[in-house]
């Protein structure tokens, strides 16, 4: 059974939403949270055949500050880390 998300208008039928606890406008996520995010994204990408290039921020689709300026700036590093993790 597929469950329809409610994370981003216009993306709920074709995207997986991942919430990172915190507001990362002026600080980066803690190392443990970052490492868990990389691991989770790698698992999801491998499990569902999703390219790490498809990892986007909420603000790419909706008028919001999410995931915060600092975390949003790290999305290229997240994509690279996920690519490395899944080989």
PDB file of N, CA and C in Angstrom:
ATOM      1  N   UNK A   1       0.841  -1.168   0.000  1.00  0.00           N
ATOM      2  CA  UNK A   1       0.000   0.000   0.000  1.00  0.00           C
ATOM      3  C   UNK A   1       0.895   1.242   0.000  1.00  0.00           C
ATOM      4  N   UNK A   2       0.634   2.149  -0.887  1.00  0.00           N
ATOM      5  CA  UNK A   2       1.391   3.388  -0.976  1.00  0.00           C
ATOM      6  C   UNK A   2       0.674   4.465  -0.174  1.00  0.00           C
ATOM      7  N   UNK A   3       1.414   5.181   0.631  1.00  0.00           N
ATOM      8  CA  UNK A   3       0.829   6.234   1.449  1.00  0.00           C
ATOM      9  C   UNK A   3       1.164   7.576   0.826  1.00  0.00           C
ATOM     10  N   UNK A   4       0.179   8.408   0.657  1.00  0.00           N
ATOM     11  CA  UNK A   4       0.365   9.728   0.072  1.00  0.00           C
ATOM     12  C   UNK A   4       0.882  10.678   1.139  1.00  0.00           C
ATOM     13  N   UNK A   5       1.976  11.348   0.829  1.00  0.00           N
ATOM     14  CA  UNK A   5       2.573  12.293   1.767  1.00  0.00           C
ATOM     15  C   UNK A   5       1.820  13.599   1.835  1.00  0.00           C
ATOM     16  N   UNK A   6       2.216  14.438   2.740  1.00  0.00           N
ATOM     17  CA  UNK A   6       1.625  15.764   2.891  1.00  0.00           C
ATOM     18  C   UNK A   6       2.729  16.753   3.243  1.00  0.00           C
ATOM     19  N   UNK A   7       3.848  16.629   2.557  1.00  0.00           N
ATOM     20  CA  UNK A   7       5.013  17.436   2.897  1.00  0.00           C
ATOM     21  C   UNK A   7       5.198  18.655   2.016  1.00  0.00           C
ATOM     22  N   UNK A   8       4.657  18.617   0.789  1.00  0.00           N
ATOM     23  CA  UNK A   8       4.896  19.732  -0.120  1.00  0.00           C
ATOM     24  C   UNK A   8       3.840  19.748  -1.220  1.00  0.00           C
ATOM     25  N   UNK A   9       3.027  20.788  -1.263  1.00  0.00           N
ATOM     26  CA  UNK A   9       2.013  20.857  -2.309  1.00  0.00           C
ATOM     27  C   UNK A   9       2.625  20.673  -3.700  1.00  0.00           C
ATOM     28  N   UNK A  10       1.989  19.824  -4.487  1.00  0.00           N
ATOM     29  CA  UNK A  10       2.454  19.554  -5.843  1.00  0.00           C
ATOM     30  C   UNK A  10       3.491  18.443  -5.928  1.00  0.00           C
ATOM     31  N   UNK A  11       4.014  17.981  -4.800  1.00  0.00           N
ATOM     32  CA  UNK A  11       5.023  16.922  -4.788  1.00  0.00           C
ATOM     33  C   UNK A  11       4.604  15.706  -3.974  1.00  0.00           C
ATOM     34  N   UNK A  12       3.445  15.754  -3.387  1.00  0.00           N
ATOM     35  CA  UNK A  12       3.038  14.699  -2.464  1.00  0.00           C
ATOM     36  C   UNK A  12       2.819  13.333  -3.125  1.00  0.00           C
ATOM     37  N   UNK A  13       2.558  13.312  -4.422  1.00  0.00           N
ATOM     38  CA  UNK A  13       2.325  12.042  -5.106  1.00  0.00           C
ATOM     39  C   UNK A  13       3.588  11.447  -5.714  1.00  0.00           C
ATOM     40  N   UNK A  14       4.684  12.232  -5.776  1.00  0.00           N
ATOM     41  CA  UNK A  14       5.854  11.722  -6.478  1.00  0.00           C
ATOM     42  C   UNK A  14       7.181  12.000  -5.770  1.00  0.00           C
ATOM     43  N   UNK A  15       7.137  12.302  -4.500  1.00  0.00           N
ATOM     44  CA  UNK A  15       8.369  12.613  -3.779  1.00  0.00           C
ATOM     45  C   UNK A  15       8.317  12.039  -2.367  1.00  0.00           C
ATOM     46  N   UNK A  16       9.497  11.867  -1.807  1.00  0.00           N
ATOM     47  CA  UNK A  16       9.630  11.419  -0.419  1.00  0.00           C
ATOM     48  C   UNK A  16      10.100  12.615   0.380  1.00  0.00           C
ATOM     49  N   UNK A  17       9.381  12.985   1.415  1.00  0.00           N
ATOM     50  CA  UNK A  17       9.756  14.117   2.251  1.00  0.00           C
ATOM     51  C   UNK A  17      10.509  13.647   3.488  1.00  0.00           C
ATOM     52  N   UNK A  18      11.614  14.323   3.786  1.00  0.00           N
ATOM     53  CA  UNK A  18      12.399  14.010   4.982  1.00  0.00           C
ATOM     54  C   UNK A  18      12.475  15.279   5.816  1.00  0.00           C
ATOM     55  N   UNK A  19      12.039  15.195   7.046  1.00  0.00           N
ATOM     56  CA  UNK A  19      12.062  16.347   7.945  1.00  0.00           C
ATOM     57  C   UNK A  19      13.322  16.295   8.793  1.00  0.00           C
ATOM     58  N   UNK A  20      14.023  17.410   8.855  1.00  0.00           N
ATOM     59  CA  UNK A  20      15.189  17.540   9.727  1.00  0.00           C
ATOM     60  C   UNK A  20      14.803  18.444  10.880  1.00  0.00           C
ATOM     61  N   UNK A  21      14.799  17.902  12.062  1.00  0.00           N
ATOM     62  CA  UNK A  21      14.405  18.665  13.240  1.00  0.00           C
ATOM     63  C   UNK A  21      15.344  19.850  13.433  1.00  0.00           C
ATOM     64  N   UNK A  22      14.788  21.026  13.499  1.00  0.00           N
ATOM     65  CA  UNK A  22      15.589  22.227  13.716  1.00  0.00           C
ATOM     66  C   UNK A  22      15.380  23.246  12.604  1.00  0.00           C
ATOM     67  N   UNK A  23      15.836  24.449  12.852  1.00  0.00           N
ATOM     68  CA  UNK A  23      15.811  25.502  11.828  1.00  0.00           C
ATOM     69  C   UNK A  23      17.251  25.870  11.542  1.00  0.00           C
ATOM     70  N   UNK A  24      17.674  25.680  10.339  1.00  0.00           N
ATOM     71  CA  UNK A  24      19.079  25.818   9.977  1.00  0.00           C
ATOM     72  C   UNK A  24      19.321  27.053   9.112  1.00  0.00           C
ATOM     73  N   UNK A  25      18.847  28.183   9.616  1.00  0.00           N
ATOM     74  CA  UNK A  25      19.083  29.451   8.923  1.00  0.00           C
ATOM     75  C   UNK A  25      20.486  29.980   9.199  1.00  0.00           C
ATOM     76  N   UNK A  26      20.954  29.847  10.428  1.00  0.00           N
ATOM     77  CA  UNK A  26      22.248  30.435  10.801  1.00  0.00           C
ATOM     78  C   UNK A  26      23.245  29.413  11.318  1.00  0.00           C
ATOM     79  N   UNK A  27      22.810  28.194  11.595  1.00  0.00           N
ATOM     80  CA  UNK A  27      23.710  27.131  12.047  1.00  0.00           C
ATOM     81  C   UNK A  27      23.494  25.891  11.182  1.00  0.00           C
ATOM     82  N   UNK A  28      24.543  25.101  11.043  1.00  0.00           N
ATOM     83  CA  UNK A  28      24.442  23.848  10.306  1.00  0.00           C
ATOM     84  C   UNK A  28      23.914  22.757  11.229  1.00  0.00           C
ATOM     85  N   UNK A  29      23.347  21.705  10.649  1.00  0.00           N
ATOM     86  CA  UNK A  29      22.877  20.614  11.495  1.00  0.00           C
ATOM     87  C   UNK A  29      24.048  19.973  12.240  1.00  0.00           C
ATOM     88  N   UNK A  30      23.796  19.429  13.424  1.00  0.00           N
ATOM     89  CA  UNK A  30      24.848  18.737  14.168  1.00  0.00           C
ATOM     90  C   UNK A  30      25.402  17.567  13.349  1.00  0.00           C
ATOM     91  N   UNK A  31      26.638  17.211  13.602  1.00  0.00           N
ATOM     92  CA  UNK A  31      27.300  16.145  12.854  1.00  0.00           C
ATOM     93  C   UNK A  31      26.509  14.840  12.890  1.00  0.00           C
ATOM     94  N   UNK A  32      26.016  14.465  14.048  1.00  0.00           N
ATOM     95  CA  UNK A  32      25.257  13.209  14.157  1.00  0.00           C
ATOM     96  C   UNK A  32      24.003  13.252  13.289  1.00  0.00           C
ATOM     97  N   UNK A  33      23.338  14.399  13.246  1.00  0.00           N
ATOM     98  CA  UNK A  33      22.137  14.525  12.419  1.00  0.00           C
ATOM     99  C   UNK A  33      22.509  14.466  10.938  1.00  0.00           C
ATOM    100  N   UNK A  34      23.596  15.137  10.570  1.00  0.00           N
ATOM    101  CA  UNK A  34      24.057  15.120   9.179  1.00  0.00           C
ATOM    102  C   UNK A  34      24.378  13.677   8.754  1.00  0.00           C
ATOM    103  N   UNK A  35      25.112  12.963   9.580  1.00  0.00           N
ATOM    104  CA  UNK A  35      25.479  11.589   9.249  1.00  0.00           C
ATOM    105  C   UNK A  35      24.251  10.699   9.105  1.00  0.00           C
ATOM    106  N   UNK A  36      23.265  10.898   9.976  1.00  0.00           N
ATOM    107  CA  UNK A  36      22.017  10.132   9.885  1.00  0.00           C
ATOM    108  C   UNK A  36      21.257  10.490   8.606  1.00  0.00           C
ATOM    109  N   UNK A  37      21.286  11.759   8.222  1.00  0.00           N
ATOM    110  CA  UNK A  37      20.612  12.197   6.993  1.00  0.00           C
ATOM    111  C   UNK A  37      21.262  11.550   5.772  1.00  0.00           C
ATOM    112  N   UNK A  38      22.587  11.537   5.730  1.00  0.00           N
ATOM    113  CA  UNK A  38      23.292  10.895   4.612  1.00  0.00           C
ATOM    114  C   UNK A  38      22.908   9.424   4.541  1.00  0.00           C
ATOM    115  N   UNK A  39      22.949   8.752   5.678  1.00  0.00           N
ATOM    116  CA  UNK A  39      22.623   7.325   5.719  1.00  0.00           C
ATOM    117  C   UNK A  39      21.182   7.060   5.275  1.00  0.00           C
ATOM    118  N   UNK A  40      20.251   7.877   5.766  1.00  0.00           N
ATOM    119  CA  UNK A  40      18.845   7.691   5.383  1.00  0.00           C
ATOM    120  C   UNK A  40      18.636   7.951   3.892  1.00  0.00           C
ATOM    121  N   UNK A  41      19.212   9.022   3.386  1.00  0.00           N
ATOM    122  CA  UNK A  41      19.059   9.340   1.962  1.00  0.00           C
ATOM    123  C   UNK A  41      19.683   8.254   1.092  1.00  0.00           C
ATOM    124  N   UNK A  42      20.843   7.736   1.502  1.00  0.00           N
ATOM    125  CA  UNK A  42      21.489   6.660   0.745  1.00  0.00           C
ATOM    126  C   UNK A  42      20.597   5.424   0.712  1.00  0.00           C
ATOM    127  N   UNK A  43      20.019   5.091   1.848  1.00  0.00           N
ATOM    128  CA  UNK A  43      19.122   3.939   1.902  1.00  0.00           C
ATOM    129  C   UNK A  43      17.917   4.143   0.979  1.00  0.00           C
ATOM    130  N   UNK A  44      17.299   5.301   1.069  1.00  0.00           N
ATOM    131  CA  UNK A  44      16.107   5.582   0.249  1.00  0.00           C
ATOM    132  C   UNK A  44      16.462   5.571  -1.231  1.00  0.00           C
ATOM    133  N   UNK A  45      17.559   6.214  -1.601  1.00  0.00           N
ATOM    134  CA  UNK A  45      17.957   6.250  -3.013  1.00  0.00           C
ATOM    135  C   UNK A  45      18.217   4.842  -3.537  1.00  0.00           C
ATOM    136  N   UNK A  46      18.924   4.028  -2.762  1.00  0.00           N
ATOM    137  CA  UNK A  46      19.209   2.653  -3.187  1.00  0.00           C
ATOM    138  C   UNK A  46      17.929   1.812  -3.238  1.00  0.00           C
ATOM    139  N   UNK A  47      17.105   1.951  -2.226  1.00  0.00           N
ATOM    140  CA  UNK A  47      15.876   1.154  -2.128  1.00  0.00           C
ATOM    141  C   UNK A  47      14.908   1.425  -3.279  1.00  0.00           C
ATOM    142  N   UNK A  48      14.793   2.704  -3.680  1.00  0.00           N
ATOM    143  CA  UNK A  48      13.791   3.081  -4.672  1.00  0.00           C
ATOM    144  C   UNK A  48      14.375   3.478  -6.019  1.00  0.00           C
ATOM    145  N   UNK A  49      15.678   3.316  -6.197  1.00  0.00           N
ATOM    146  CA  UNK A  49      16.299   3.639  -7.482  1.00  0.00           C
ATOM    147  C   UNK A  49      16.259   5.115  -7.808  1.00  0.00           C
ATOM    148  N   UNK A  50      16.404   5.946  -6.797  1.00  0.00           N
ATOM    149  CA  UNK A  50      16.369   7.400  -6.974  1.00  0.00           C
ATOM    150  C   UNK A  50      17.803   7.912  -7.066  1.00  0.00           C
ATOM    151  N   UNK A  51      18.086   8.725  -8.045  1.00  0.00           N
ATOM    152  CA  UNK A  51      19.410   9.322  -8.175  1.00  0.00           C
ATOM    153  C   UNK A  51      19.620  10.352  -7.073  1.00  0.00           C
ATOM    154  N   UNK A  52      20.803  10.385  -6.468  1.00  0.00           N
ATOM    155  CA  UNK A  52      21.088  11.434  -5.481  1.00  0.00           C
ATOM    156  C   UNK A  52      20.932  12.844  -6.063  1.00  0.00           C
ATOM    157  N   UNK A  53      21.043  12.977  -7.379  1.00  0.00           N
ATOM    158  CA  UNK A  53      20.843  14.281  -8.015  1.00  0.00           C
ATOM    159  C   UNK A  53      19.429  14.806  -7.799  1.00  0.00           C
ATOM    160  N   UNK A  54      18.512  13.919  -7.453  1.00  0.00           N
ATOM    161  CA  UNK A  54      17.119  14.311  -7.229  1.00  0.00           C
ATOM    162  C   UNK A  54      16.865  14.820  -5.815  1.00  0.00           C
ATOM    163  N   UNK A  55      17.870  14.826  -4.963  1.00  0.00           N
ATOM    164  CA  UNK A  55      17.695  15.340  -3.606  1.00  0.00           C
ATOM    165  C   UNK A  55      17.568  16.855  -3.680  1.00  0.00           C
ATOM    166  N   UNK A  56      16.443  17.356  -3.231  1.00  0.00           N
ATOM    167  CA  UNK A  56      16.138  18.783  -3.321  1.00  0.00           C
ATOM    168  C   UNK A  56      15.689  19.301  -1.961  1.00  0.00           C
ATOM    169  N   UNK A  57      15.634  20.604  -1.842  1.00  0.00           N
ATOM    170  CA  UNK A  57      15.115  21.232  -0.636  1.00  0.00           C
ATOM    171  C   UNK A  57      13.661  21.614  -0.818  1.00  0.00           C
ATOM    172  N   UNK A  58      12.944  21.701   0.271  1.00  0.00           N
ATOM    173  CA  UNK A  58      11.539  22.074   0.252  1.00  0.00           C
ATOM    174  C   UNK A  58      11.334  23.386  -0.523  1.00  0.00           C
ATOM    175  N   UNK A  59      12.253  24.326  -0.338  1.00  0.00           N
ATOM    176  CA  UNK A  59      12.107  25.628  -0.999  1.00  0.00           C
ATOM    177  C   UNK A  59      12.263  25.566  -2.514  1.00  0.00           C
ATOM    178  N   UNK A  60      12.750  24.447  -3.045  1.00  0.00           N
ATOM    179  CA  UNK A  60      12.825  24.289  -4.498  1.00  0.00           C
ATOM    180  C   UNK A  60      11.437  24.163  -5.114  1.00  0.00           C
ATOM    181  N   UNK A  61      10.450  23.834  -4.289  1.00  0.00           N
ATOM    182  CA  UNK A  61       9.097  23.600  -4.791  1.00  0.00           C
ATOM    183  C   UNK A  61       8.028  24.473  -4.164  1.00  0.00           C
ATOM    184  N   UNK A  62       8.354  25.136  -3.080  1.00  0.00           N
ATOM    185  CA  UNK A  62       7.324  25.840  -2.326  1.00  0.00           C
ATOM    186  C   UNK A  62       7.942  27.075  -1.679  1.00  0.00           C
ATOM    187  N   UNK A  63       7.172  28.121  -1.525  1.00  0.00           N
ATOM    188  CA  UNK A  63       7.665  29.370  -0.943  1.00  0.00           C
ATOM    189  C   UNK A  63       7.825  29.212   0.566  1.00  0.00           C
ATOM    190  N   UNK A  64       9.038  28.808   0.955  1.00  0.00           N
ATOM    191  CA  UNK A  64       9.338  28.562   2.364  1.00  0.00           C
ATOM    192  C   UNK A  64      10.827  28.780   2.594  1.00  0.00           C
ATOM    193  N   UNK A  65      11.222  28.961   3.826  1.00  0.00           N
ATOM    194  CA  UNK A  65      12.640  29.065   4.170  1.00  0.00           C
ATOM    195  C   UNK A  65      13.251  27.685   4.427  1.00  0.00           C
ATOM    196  N   UNK A  66      12.433  26.681   4.519  1.00  0.00           N
ATOM    197  CA  UNK A  66      12.873  25.310   4.772  1.00  0.00           C
ATOM    198  C   UNK A  66      13.774  24.820   3.624  1.00  0.00           C
ATOM    199  N   UNK A  67      14.858  24.201   3.879  1.00  0.00           N
ATOM    200  CA  UNK A  67      15.356  23.661   5.133  1.00  0.00           C
ATOM    201  C   UNK A  67      16.303  24.595   5.888  1.00  0.00           C
ATOM    202  N   UNK A  68      16.256  25.868   5.614  1.00  0.00           N
ATOM    203  CA  UNK A  68      17.167  26.829   6.238  1.00  0.00           C
ATOM    204  C   UNK A  68      18.349  27.092   5.321  1.00  0.00           C
ATOM    205  N   UNK A  69      18.874  28.299   5.369  1.00  0.00           N
ATOM    206  CA  UNK A  69      19.963  28.686   4.462  1.00  0.00           C
ATOM    207  C   UNK A  69      21.195  27.794   4.592  1.00  0.00           C
ATOM    208  N   UNK A  70      21.575  27.466   5.819  1.00  0.00           N
ATOM    209  CA  UNK A  70      22.789  26.670   6.035  1.00  0.00           C
ATOM    210  C   UNK A  70      22.626  25.239   5.522  1.00  0.00           C
ATOM    211  N   UNK A  71      21.498  24.611   5.811  1.00  0.00           N
ATOM    212  CA  UNK A  71      21.281  23.247   5.329  1.00  0.00           C
ATOM    213  C   UNK A  71      21.067  23.244   3.821  1.00  0.00           C
ATOM    214  N   UNK A  72      20.352  24.229   3.306  1.00  0.00           N
ATOM    215  CA  UNK A  72      20.132  24.299   1.861  1.00  0.00           C
ATOM    216  C   UNK A  72      21.465  24.421   1.121  1.00  0.00           C
ATOM    217  N   UNK A  73      22.382  25.201   1.656  1.00  0.00           N
ATOM    218  CA  UNK A  73      23.696  25.369   1.033  1.00  0.00           C
ATOM    219  C   UNK A  73      24.499  24.070   1.041  1.00  0.00           C
ATOM    220  N   UNK A  74      24.159  23.150   1.931  1.00  0.00           N
ATOM    221  CA  UNK A  74      24.865  21.874   2.017  1.00  0.00           C
ATOM    222  C   UNK A  74      24.262  20.787   1.123  1.00  0.00           C
ATOM    223  N   UNK A  75      23.201  21.089   0.386  1.00  0.00           N
ATOM    224  CA  UNK A  75      22.583  20.056  -0.449  1.00  0.00           C
ATOM    225  C   UNK A  75      23.546  19.475  -1.489  1.00  0.00           C
ATOM    226  N   UNK A  76      24.406  20.274  -2.137  1.00  0.00           N
ATOM    227  CA  UNK A  76      25.376  19.648  -3.050  1.00  0.00           C
ATOM    228  C   UNK A  76      26.295  18.660  -2.323  1.00  0.00           C
ATOM    229  N   UNK A  77      26.716  18.990  -1.112  1.00  0.00           N
ATOM    230  CA  UNK A  77      27.545  18.075  -0.327  1.00  0.00           C
ATOM    231  C   UNK A  77      26.743  16.833   0.067  1.00  0.00           C
ATOM    232  N   UNK A  78      25.465  17.001   0.350  1.00  0.00           N
ATOM    233  CA  UNK A  78      24.605  15.856   0.679  1.00  0.00           C
ATOM    234  C   UNK A  78      24.498  14.924  -0.519  1.00  0.00           C
ATOM    235  N   UNK A  79      24.260  15.487  -1.694  1.00  0.00           N
ATOM    236  CA  UNK A  79      24.162  14.651  -2.897  1.00  0.00           C
ATOM    237  C   UNK A  79      25.455  13.865  -3.114  1.00  0.00           C
ATOM    238  N   UNK A  80      26.593  14.543  -2.944  1.00  0.00           N
ATOM    239  CA  UNK A  80      27.893  13.889  -3.131  1.00  0.00           C
ATOM    240  C   UNK A  80      28.114  12.792  -2.087  1.00  0.00           C
ATOM    241  N   UNK A  81      27.772  13.066  -0.837  1.00  0.00           N
ATOM    242  CA  UNK A  81      27.948  12.066   0.214  1.00  0.00           C
ATOM    243  C   UNK A  81      27.058  10.861  -0.011  1.00  0.00           C
ATOM    244  N   UNK A  82      25.848  11.095  -0.482  1.00  0.00           N
ATOM    245  CA  UNK A  82      24.929   9.986  -0.770  1.00  0.00           C
ATOM    246  C   UNK A  82      25.453   9.168  -1.941  1.00  0.00           C
ATOM    247  N   UNK A  83      25.945   9.831  -2.981  1.00  0.00           N
ATOM    248  CA  UNK A  83      26.536   9.086  -4.120  1.00  0.00           C
ATOM    249  C   UNK A  83      27.667   8.183  -3.631  1.00  0.00           C
ATOM    250  N   UNK A  84      28.527   8.716  -2.797  1.00  0.00           N
ATOM    251  CA  UNK A  84      29.637   7.941  -2.255  1.00  0.00           C
ATOM    252  C   UNK A  84      29.131   6.774  -1.417  1.00  0.00           C
ATOM    253  N   UNK A  85      28.123   7.030  -0.603  1.00  0.00           N
ATOM    254  CA  UNK A  85      27.598   5.994   0.294  1.00  0.00           C
ATOM    255  C   UNK A  85      26.974   4.825  -0.454  1.00  0.00           C
ATOM    256  N   UNK A  86      26.344   5.108  -1.600  1.00  0.00           N
ATOM    257  CA  UNK A  86      25.687   4.020  -2.335  1.00  0.00           C
ATOM    258  C   UNK A  86      26.600   3.430  -3.411  1.00  0.00           C
ATOM    259  N   UNK A  87      27.767   4.068  -3.598  1.00  0.00           N
ATOM    260  CA  UNK A  87      28.762   3.525  -4.516  1.00  0.00           C
ATOM    261  C   UNK A  87      28.362   3.706  -5.931  1.00  0.00           C
TER     262      UNK A  87
END
